[in-house]
C-alpha atoms as a PDB file:
ATOM      1  CA  MET A   1    -100.440-132.552  35.285  1.00  0.00           C
ATOM      2  CA  GLU A   2    -102.657-135.626  35.624  1.00  0.00           C
ATOM      3  CA  GLN A   3    -103.625-137.478  32.440  1.00  0.00           C
ATOM      4  CA  ASP A   4    -107.283-136.362  32.406  1.00  0.00           C
ATOM      5  CA  ALA A   5    -106.348-132.730  32.977  1.00  0.00           C
ATOM      6  CA  ARG A   6    -103.628-132.912  30.314  1.00  0.00           C
ATOM      7  CA  LEU A   7    -106.100-134.247  27.762  1.00  0.00           C
ATOM      8  CA  ARG A   8    -108.663-131.573  28.662  1.00  0.00           C
ATOM      9  CA  HIS A   9    -106.094-128.822  28.250  1.00  0.00           C
ATOM     10  CA  ALA A  10    -104.652-130.309  25.051  1.00  0.00           C
ATOM     11  CA  SER A  11    -108.080-130.558  23.425  1.00  0.00           C
ATOM     12  CA  SER A  12    -109.172-127.024  24.376  1.00  0.00           C
ATOM     13  CA  PHE A  13    -107.607-125.121  21.488  1.00  0.00           C
ATOM     14  CA  GLY A  14    -110.174-125.966  18.826  1.00  0.00           C
ATOM     15  CA  SER A  15    -112.727-123.750  20.562  1.00  0.00           C
ATOM     16  CA  ALA A  16    -110.401-120.797  19.952  1.00  0.00           C
ATOM     17  CA  ALA A  17    -108.914-121.799  16.600  1.00  0.00           C
ATOM     18  CA  VAL A  18    -109.700-118.514  14.817  1.00  0.00           C
ATOM     19  CA  ALA A  19    -108.301-116.419  17.665  1.00  0.00           C
ATOM     20  CA  TYR A  20    -105.271-118.715  17.906  1.00  0.00           C
ATOM     21  CA  ALA A  21    -104.548-118.230  14.206  1.00  0.00           C
ATOM     22  CA  GLU A  22    -104.906-114.457  14.535  1.00  0.00           C
ATOM     23  CA  HIS A  23    -102.995-113.795  17.742  1.00  0.00           C
ATOM     24  CA  ARG A  24    -100.398-116.489  18.437  1.00  0.00           C
ATOM     25  CA  PRO A  25     -96.859-115.607  17.294  1.00  0.00           C
ATOM     26  CA  ASP A  26     -94.796-117.361  14.670  1.00  0.00           C
ATOM     27  CA  TYR A  27     -91.313-118.709  15.464  1.00  0.00           C
ATOM     28  CA  ALA A  28     -87.908-117.079  15.131  1.00  0.00           C
ATOM     29  CA  PRO A  29     -86.438-118.312  11.816  1.00  0.00           C
ATOM     30  CA  ALA A  30     -82.985-118.631  13.410  1.00  0.00           C
ATOM     31  CA  ALA A  31     -84.442-121.020  15.998  1.00  0.00           C
ATOM     32  CA  VAL A  32     -86.055-123.194  13.333  1.00  0.00           C
ATOM     33  CA  HIS A  33     -82.845-123.199  11.305  1.00  0.00           C
ATOM     34  CA  TRP A  34     -80.881-124.349  14.390  1.00  0.00           C
ATOM     35  CA  ALA A  35     -83.418-127.079  15.103  1.00  0.00           C
ATOM     36  CA  LEU A  36     -82.981-128.430  11.573  1.00  0.00           C
ATOM     37  CA  GLU A  37     -79.243-127.873  11.218  1.00  0.00           C
ATOM     38  CA  PRO A  38     -78.181-131.504  11.899  1.00  0.00           C
ATOM     39  CA  ALA A  39     -81.109-133.075  10.001  1.00  0.00           C
ATOM     40  CA  PRO A  40     -79.991-135.503   7.271  1.00  0.00           C
ATOM     41  CA  GLY A  41     -82.426-134.160   4.670  1.00  0.00           C
ATOM     42  CA  PRO A  42     -85.184-131.631   3.891  1.00  0.00           C
ATOM     43  CA  ARG A  43     -88.305-133.661   4.781  1.00  0.00           C
ATOM     44  CA  VAL A  44     -89.884-132.166   7.898  1.00  0.00           C
ATOM     45  CA  LEU A  45     -92.965-133.158   9.865  1.00  0.00           C
ATOM     46  CA  ASP A  46     -94.660-130.392  11.838  1.00  0.00           C
ATOM     47  CA  LEU A  47     -96.370-132.515  14.486  1.00  0.00           C
ATOM     48  CA  GLY A  48     -99.260-131.008  16.409  1.00  0.00           C
ATOM     49  CA  ALA A  49     -99.146-128.203  13.875  1.00  0.00           C
ATOM     50  CA  GLY A  50    -102.152-126.280  15.175  1.00  0.00           C
ATOM     51  CA  THR A  51    -103.096-123.436  12.858  1.00  0.00           C
ATOM     52  CA  GLY A  52     -99.724-123.524  11.103  1.00  0.00           C
ATOM     53  CA  LYS A  53     -97.610-120.999  13.001  1.00  0.00           C
ATOM     54  CA  LEU A  54     -94.489-123.169  12.800  1.00  0.00           C
ATOM     55  CA  THR A  55     -95.520-124.602   9.429  1.00  0.00           C
ATOM     56  CA  GLY A  56     -95.393-121.135   7.886  1.00  0.00           C
ATOM     57  CA  THR A  57     -91.856-120.548   9.139  1.00  0.00           C
ATOM     58  CA  LEU A  58     -90.786-123.927   7.748  1.00  0.00           C
ATOM     59  CA  VAL A  59     -92.307-123.094   4.354  1.00  0.00           C
ATOM     60  CA  ALA A  60     -90.420-119.790   4.319  1.00  0.00           C
ATOM     61  CA  LEU A  61     -87.168-121.683   4.945  1.00  0.00           C
ATOM     62  CA  GLY A  62     -87.823-123.812   1.865  1.00  0.00           C
ATOM     63  CA  VAL A  63     -88.073-127.267   3.431  1.00  0.00           C
ATOM     64  CA  ASP A  64     -90.431-130.042   2.332  1.00  0.00           C
ATOM     65  CA  VAL A  65     -92.999-129.839   5.141  1.00  0.00           C
ATOM     66  CA  THR A  66     -95.934-132.046   6.070  1.00  0.00           C
ATOM     67  CA  ALA A  67     -98.257-130.861   8.836  1.00  0.00           C
ATOM     68  CA  VAL A  68    -100.197-133.217  11.117  1.00  0.00           C
ATOM     69  CA  GLU A  69    -102.856-131.891  13.526  1.00  0.00           C
ATOM     70  CA  PRO A  70    -105.549-133.767  15.495  1.00  0.00           C
ATOM     71  CA  ASP A  71    -108.063-130.961  16.026  1.00  0.00           C
ATOM     72  CA  PRO A  72    -110.409-130.391  13.045  1.00  0.00           C
ATOM     73  CA  ALA A  73    -110.939-126.683  13.753  1.00  0.00           C
ATOM     74  CA  MET A  74    -107.209-126.025  14.041  1.00  0.00           C
ATOM     75  CA  LEU A  75    -106.551-128.045  10.885  1.00  0.00           C
ATOM     76  CA  THR A  76    -109.151-126.005   9.020  1.00  0.00           C
ATOM     77  CA  GLU A  77    -107.348-122.774   9.938  1.00  0.00           C
ATOM     78  CA  LEU A  78    -104.005-124.251   8.881  1.00  0.00           C
ATOM     79  CA  ARG A  79    -105.373-125.289   5.501  1.00  0.00           C
ATOM     80  CA  ARG A  80    -106.945-121.865   5.028  1.00  0.00           C
ATOM     81  CA  ALA A  81    -103.677-120.079   5.785  1.00  0.00           C
ATOM     82  CA  LEU A  82    -101.372-122.476   3.911  1.00  0.00           C
ATOM     83  CA  PRO A  83    -103.393-124.215   1.178  1.00  0.00           C
ATOM     84  CA  ALA A  84    -100.302-125.501  -0.629  1.00  0.00           C
ATOM     85  CA  VAL A  85     -99.016-127.448   2.389  1.00  0.00           C
ATOM     86  CA  ARG A  86     -99.759-131.149   2.789  1.00  0.00           C
ATOM     87  CA  ALA A  87    -101.842-131.114   5.997  1.00  0.00           C
ATOM     88  CA  LEU A  88    -103.168-134.348   7.473  1.00  0.00           C
ATOM     89  CA  PRO A  89    -105.434-135.235  10.396  1.00  0.00           C
ATOM     90  CA  GLY A  90    -103.623-137.240  13.032  1.00  0.00           C
ATOM     91  CA  GLY A  91    -101.731-137.026  16.277  1.00  0.00           C
ATOM     92  CA  ALA A  92     -98.352-137.764  17.789  1.00  0.00           C
ATOM     93  CA  GLU A  93     -99.581-141.079  19.120  1.00  0.00           C
ATOM     94  CA  ALA A  94    -100.680-142.277  15.653  1.00  0.00           C
ATOM     95  CA  ILE A  95     -98.726-140.483  12.925  1.00  0.00           C
ATOM     96  CA  PRO A  96    -100.254-141.025   9.449  1.00  0.00           C
ATOM     97  CA  LEU A  97     -96.875-141.387   7.683  1.00  0.00           C
ATOM     98  CA  PRO A  98     -94.728-144.372   6.607  1.00  0.00           C
ATOM     99  CA  ASP A  99     -91.619-145.583   8.395  1.00  0.00           C
ATOM    100  CA  ALA A 100     -88.449-143.498   7.941  1.00  0.00           C
ATOM    101  CA  SER A 101     -90.334-140.963   5.830  1.00  0.00           C
ATOM    102  CA  VAL A 102     -89.081-137.698   7.385  1.00  0.00           C
ATOM    103  CA  ASP A 103     -85.691-136.276   8.337  1.00  0.00           C
ATOM    104  CA  ALA A 104     -86.953-134.154  11.208  1.00  0.00           C
ATOM    105  CA  VAL A 105     -89.988-133.958  13.482  1.00  0.00           C
ATOM    106  CA  LEU A 106     -90.668-130.507  14.897  1.00  0.00           C
ATOM    107  CA  ALA A 107     -93.374-129.525  17.373  1.00  0.00           C
ATOM    108  CA  GLY A 108     -94.222-125.899  18.075  1.00  0.00           C
ATOM    109  CA  ASN A 109     -95.616-125.345  21.578  1.00  0.00           C
ATOM    110  CA  ALA A 110     -96.944-128.901  21.388  1.00  0.00           C
ATOM    111  CA  LEU A 111     -94.383-131.440  22.606  1.00  0.00           C
ATOM    112  CA  HIS A 112     -95.584-131.129  26.205  1.00  0.00           C
ATOM    113  CA  TRP A 113     -99.059-132.334  25.153  1.00  0.00           C
ATOM    114  CA  PHE A 114     -97.789-135.613  23.663  1.00  0.00           C
ATOM    115  CA  ASP A 115     -98.076-138.908  25.516  1.00  0.00           C
ATOM    116  CA  MET A 116     -94.430-139.732  24.917  1.00  0.00           C
ATOM    117  CA  ALA A 117     -94.770-143.334  26.072  1.00  0.00           C
ATOM    118  CA  VAL A 118     -96.797-143.818  22.867  1.00  0.00           C
ATOM    119  CA  ALA A 119     -95.636-140.873  20.754  1.00  0.00           C
ATOM    120  CA  GLY A 120     -91.928-141.546  21.305  1.00  0.00           C
ATOM    121  CA  PRO A 121     -91.914-144.867  19.420  1.00  0.00           C
ATOM    122  CA  GLU A 122     -94.120-143.338  16.708  1.00  0.00           C
ATOM    123  CA  ILE A 123     -91.733-140.446  16.227  1.00  0.00           C
ATOM    124  CA  ALA A 124     -88.777-142.853  16.110  1.00  0.00           C
ATOM    125  CA  ARG A 125     -90.655-144.935  13.536  1.00  0.00           C
ATOM    126  CA  VAL A 126     -91.219-142.092  11.056  1.00  0.00           C
ATOM    127  CA  LEU A 127     -87.724-140.617  11.440  1.00  0.00           C
ATOM    128  CA  ALA A 128     -85.008-141.576   8.976  1.00  0.00           C
ATOM    129  CA  PRO A 129     -81.669-142.657  10.491  1.00  0.00           C
ATOM    130  CA  GLY A 130     -79.947-139.676  12.071  1.00  0.00           C
ATOM    131  CA  GLY A 131     -83.224-137.739  12.130  1.00  0.00           C
ATOM    132  CA  ILE A 132     -83.981-134.845  14.464  1.00  0.00           C
ATOM    133  CA  LEU A 133     -86.731-134.409  17.033  1.00  0.00           C
ATOM    134  CA  ALA A 134     -87.104-130.814  18.217  1.00  0.00           C
ATOM    135  CA  GLY A 135     -89.623-128.979  20.349  1.00  0.00           C
ATOM    136  CA  LEU A 136     -89.935-125.215  20.037  1.00  0.00           C
ATOM    137  CA  TRP A 137     -91.570-122.821  22.480  1.00  0.00           C
ATOM    138  CA  ASN A 138     -92.171-119.108  22.249  1.00  0.00           C
ATOM    139  CA  VAL A 139     -91.346-117.754  25.702  1.00  0.00           C
ATOM    140  CA  MET A 140     -91.735-114.279  27.122  1.00  0.00           C
ATOM    141  CA  ASP A 141     -88.544-112.582  28.276  1.00  0.00           C
ATOM    142  CA  ASP A 142     -89.240-112.093  31.984  1.00  0.00           C
ATOM    143  CA  ARG A 143     -85.847-110.415  32.443  1.00  0.00           C
ATOM    144  CA  VAL A 144     -87.798-107.340  31.280  1.00  0.00           C
ATOM    145  CA  ASP A 145     -89.476-105.730  34.296  1.00  0.00           C
ATOM    146  CA  TRP A 146     -92.914-105.165  32.797  1.00  0.00           C
ATOM    147  CA  VAL A 147     -93.035-108.722  31.450  1.00  0.00           C
ATOM    148  CA  ALA A 148     -92.200-110.073  34.916  1.00  0.00           C
ATOM    149  CA  GLY A 149     -94.997-107.896  36.289  1.00  0.00           C
ATOM    150  CA  LEU A 150     -97.416-109.223  33.707  1.00  0.00           C
ATOM    151  CA  GLU A 151     -96.475-112.773  34.701  1.00  0.00           C
ATOM    152  CA  ARG A 152     -97.228-112.040  38.358  1.00  0.00           C
ATOM    153  CA  VAL A 153    -100.605-110.467  37.575  1.00  0.00           C
ATOM    154  CA  SER A 154    -101.639-113.138  35.084  1.00  0.00           C
ATOM    155  CA  GLY A 155    -101.095-116.216  37.244  1.00  0.00           C
ATOM    156  CA  ALA A 156     -99.978-119.715  36.301  1.00  0.00           C
ATOM    157  CA  ALA A 157    -103.110-120.557  34.292  1.00  0.00           C
ATOM    158  CA  ALA A 158    -102.306-117.765  31.837  1.00  0.00           C
ATOM    159  CA  ILE A 159     -98.497-117.781  31.903  1.00  0.00           C
ATOM    160  CA  GLY A 160     -97.094-121.128  32.962  1.00  0.00           C
ATOM    161  CA  PRO A 161     -93.514-122.328  33.501  1.00  0.00           C
ATOM    162  CA  ARG A 162     -92.979-123.136  29.823  1.00  0.00           C
ATOM    163  CA  ASP A 163     -94.012-119.591  28.863  1.00  0.00           C
ATOM    164  CA  THR A 164     -91.147-117.603  30.421  1.00  0.00           C
ATOM    165  CA  LEU A 165     -87.423-117.604  29.798  1.00  0.00           C
ATOM    166  CA  SER A 166     -86.496-118.124  33.448  1.00  0.00           C
ATOM    167  CA  ASN A 167     -88.382-121.432  33.636  1.00  0.00           C
ATOM    168  CA  TRP A 168     -88.644-123.009  30.185  1.00  0.00           C
ATOM    169  CA  ARG A 169     -85.354-124.945  30.222  1.00  0.00           C
ATOM    170  CA  ALA A 170     -86.216-126.806  33.419  1.00  0.00           C
ATOM    171  CA  ALA A 171     -89.855-127.215  32.405  1.00  0.00           C
ATOM    172  CA  THR A 172     -89.058-128.781  29.021  1.00  0.00           C
ATOM    173  CA  ALA A 173     -85.759-130.619  29.555  1.00  0.00           C
ATOM    174  CA  GLY A 174     -87.413-133.985  30.205  1.00  0.00           C
ATOM    175  CA  LEU A 175     -89.938-133.891  27.373  1.00  0.00           C
ATOM    176  CA  HIS A 176     -87.804-135.211  24.519  1.00  0.00           C
ATOM    177  CA  LEU A 177     -88.151-138.936  25.284  1.00  0.00           C
ATOM    178  CA  PRO A 178     -90.312-141.313  27.314  1.00  0.00           C
ATOM    179  CA  ASP A 179     -88.835-142.625  30.535  1.00  0.00           C
ATOM    180  CA  VAL A 180     -88.207-146.068  29.084  1.00  0.00           C
ATOM    181  CA  GLY A 181     -87.532-147.737  25.782  1.00  0.00           C
ATOM    182  CA  LEU A 182     -86.021-145.104  23.480  1.00  0.00           C
ATOM    183  CA  VAL A 183     -83.218-143.496  25.432  1.00  0.00           C
ATOM    184  CA  ALA A 184     -80.564-145.662  23.753  1.00  0.00           C
ATOM    185  CA  GLN A 185     -81.839-144.632  20.296  1.00  0.00           C
ATOM    186  CA  PHE A 186     -81.243-140.897  20.775  1.00  0.00           C
ATOM    187  CA  GLY A 187     -78.295-138.708  21.691  1.00  0.00           C
ATOM    188  CA  SER A 188     -78.143-136.141  24.452  1.00  0.00           C
ATOM    189  CA  PRO A 189     -80.649-133.280  24.274  1.00  0.00           C
ATOM    190  CA  GLU A 190     -79.504-129.741  23.462  1.00  0.00           C
ATOM    191  CA  GLN A 191     -81.270-126.488  24.311  1.00  0.00           C
ATOM    192  CA  ALA A 192     -80.867-122.997  22.886  1.00  0.00           C
ATOM    193  CA  GLU A 193     -82.793-119.708  22.800  1.00  0.00           C
ATOM    194  CA  PHE A 194     -83.118-117.190  19.988  1.00  0.00           C
ATOM    195  CA  PRO A 195     -84.340-113.565  20.189  1.00  0.00           C
ATOM    196  CA  HIS A 196     -87.853-112.973  18.971  1.00  0.00           C
ATOM    197  CA  GLY A 197     -90.660-110.466  19.439  1.00  0.00           C
ATOM    198  CA  GLN A 198     -94.244-109.786  18.532  1.00  0.00           C
ATOM    199  CA  ARG A 199     -95.888-106.444  17.825  1.00  0.00           C
ATOM    200  CA  ARG A 200     -98.936-106.144  20.065  1.00  0.00           C
ATOM    201  CA  THR A 201    -101.522-103.738  21.373  1.00  0.00           C
ATOM    202  CA  ALA A 202    -102.925-104.114  24.863  1.00  0.00           C
ATOM    203  CA  ASP A 203    -106.088-105.650  23.394  1.00  0.00           C
ATOM    204  CA  SER A 204    -104.245-108.087  21.139  1.00  0.00           C
ATOM    205  CA  LEU A 205    -101.933-109.178  23.977  1.00  0.00           C
ATOM    206  CA  VAL A 206    -104.977-109.903  26.144  1.00  0.00           C
ATOM    207  CA  ALA A 207    -106.461-111.842  23.219  1.00  0.00           C
ATOM    208  CA  THR A 208    -103.222-113.820  22.871  1.00  0.00           C
ATOM    209  CA  ILE A 209    -103.181-114.751  26.562  1.00  0.00           C
ATOM    210  CA  ALA A 210    -106.852-115.768  26.301  1.00  0.00           C
ATOM    211  CA  THR A 211    -105.848-118.540  23.848  1.00  0.00           C
ATOM    212  CA  ARG A 212    -103.686-120.346  26.425  1.00  0.00           C
ATOM    213  CA  ALA A 213    -105.024-123.705  27.535  1.00  0.00           C
ATOM    214  CA  GLY A 214    -105.237-122.748  31.196  1.00  0.00           C
ATOM    215  CA  MET A 215    -107.510-119.849  30.294  1.00  0.00           C
ATOM    216  CA  LEU A 216    -109.616-121.820  27.815  1.00  0.00           C
ATOM    217  CA  VAL A 217    -110.575-124.462  30.387  1.00  0.00           C
ATOM    218  CA  MET A 218    -111.247-121.931  33.148  1.00  0.00           C
ATOM    219  CA  PRO A 219    -114.855-121.150  34.206  1.00  0.00           C
ATOM    220  CA  GLU A 220    -116.051-118.078  32.305  1.00  0.00           C
ATOM    221  CA  GLN A 221    -116.449-115.802  35.312  1.00  0.00           C
ATOM    222  CA  GLU A 222    -112.982-116.644  36.596  1.00  0.00           C
ATOM    223  CA  ARG A 223    -111.471-116.212  33.133  1.00  0.00           C
ATOM    224  CA  GLU A 224    -113.051-112.785  32.645  1.00  0.00           C
ATOM    225  CA  ALA A 225    -111.821-111.674  36.058  1.00  0.00           C
ATOM    226  CA  GLY A 226    -108.298-112.797  35.196  1.00  0.00           C
ATOM    227  CA  LEU A 227    -108.341-111.052  31.827  1.00  0.00           C
ATOM    228  CA  GLY A 228    -109.657-107.939  33.555  1.00  0.00           C
ATOM    229  CA  ARG A 229    -106.639-107.880  35.879  1.00  0.00           C
ATOM    230  CA  ILE A 230    -104.342-108.227  32.877  1.00  0.00           C
ATOM    231  CA  ARG A 231    -106.089-105.355  31.072  1.00  0.00           C
ATOM    232  CA  ALA A 232    -105.743-103.157  34.149  1.00  0.00           C
ATOM    233  CA  PHE A 233    -102.035-103.960  34.422  1.00  0.00           C
ATOM    234  CA  LEU A 234    -101.395-103.167  30.758  1.00  0.00           C
ATOM    235  CA  ALA A 235    -103.320 -99.895  31.086  1.00  0.00           C
ATOM    236  CA  SER A 236    -101.100 -98.878  34.012  1.00  0.00           C
ATOM    237  CA  SER A 237     -97.715 -99.860  32.564  1.00  0.00           C
ATOM    238  CA  PRO A 238     -95.925 -97.099  30.567  1.00  0.00           C
ATOM    239  CA  GLU A 239     -94.450 -99.664  28.167  1.00  0.00           C
ATOM    240  CA  THR A 240     -97.874-100.960  27.122  1.00  0.00           C
ATOM    241  CA  THR A 241    -100.051 -97.847  27.020  1.00  0.00           C
ATOM    242  CA  ARG A 242     -98.832 -96.707  23.593  1.00  0.00           C
ATOM    243  CA  ASP A 243    -100.742 -97.781  20.486  1.00  0.00           C
ATOM    244  CA  GLN A 244     -98.336-100.635  19.711  1.00  0.00           C
ATOM    245  CA  PHE A 245     -95.390-102.164  21.499  1.00  0.00           C
ATOM    246  CA  THR A 246     -93.103-105.158  21.099  1.00  0.00           C
ATOM    247  CA  LEU A 247     -93.620-108.102  23.428  1.00  0.00           C
ATOM    248  CA  PRO A 248     -90.044-109.242  24.200  1.00  0.00           C
ATOM    249  CA  MET A 249     -89.775-112.954  23.505  1.00  0.00           C
ATOM    250  CA  LEU A 250     -87.383-115.743  22.636  1.00  0.00           C
ATOM    251  CA  THR A 251     -87.932-118.983  20.786  1.00  0.00           C
ATOM    252  CA  GLY A 252     -86.506-121.800  22.874  1.00  0.00           C
ATOM    253  CA  VAL A 253     -85.533-125.076  21.192  1.00  0.00           C
ATOM    254  CA  LEU A 254     -85.022-128.538  22.652  1.00  0.00           C
ATOM    255  CA  ARG A 255     -83.238-130.745  20.091  1.00  0.00           C
ATOM    256  CA  VAL A 256     -82.274-134.434  20.101  1.00  0.00           C
ATOM    257  CA  ARG A 257     -80.853-136.600  17.309  1.00  0.00           C
ATOM    258  CA  GLN A 258     -81.713-140.209  16.573  1.00  0.00           C
ATOM    259  CA  LEU A 259     -78.561-142.342  16.552  1.00  0.00           C
END
């Protein structure tokens, strides 16, 4: 994605902050635990924290979490949901924390939006020696037939390569470091997936898909047509016509350790 398009997509979420907070899933606790397992201490930065979906899971695990989010509307929702959490305005390219002040930097569905040529050195700066950088993504399990059908109907703007199990490893493998400068400071990346799921209705699944960046930047008429196709598919699929159903998911983790 070109730089201008990346910035437009990355900055689109504030317009849907309330819906994002309501409909986006949290993260599998086992995935978050694995991401943090090698961290040298309990201080965790949730970077690009959005409305606090990952922050909430970190709080439940009992770590000392600080959340940083650049979008004011998203930050407002995070503070409303988690008033006891230290939540700061800022971004990956200018982290408002001192040097070596955290033991892990985690990013939930956000690492792909960072300009790693700038964010990489910033992340290295705030990490303590031996600290962990991990990206987490909630991905739909397209090994399930109806999920694969939903992916086909939805199109790439709604369900991109980082959003399905079959593609997320390849789509995220190169995101952990910039191309130059920091490779020698970090070990080899590791990837793992952990079972997850989200209880949905057809309407709430459509609302979830509508919060994806590709949909948010789409012209209104095109977006409504796309959501209409998704509604029609869900109305015709036996697995999604009942009152509630579980969307089969996994939380995928990309983890790298600072040497």
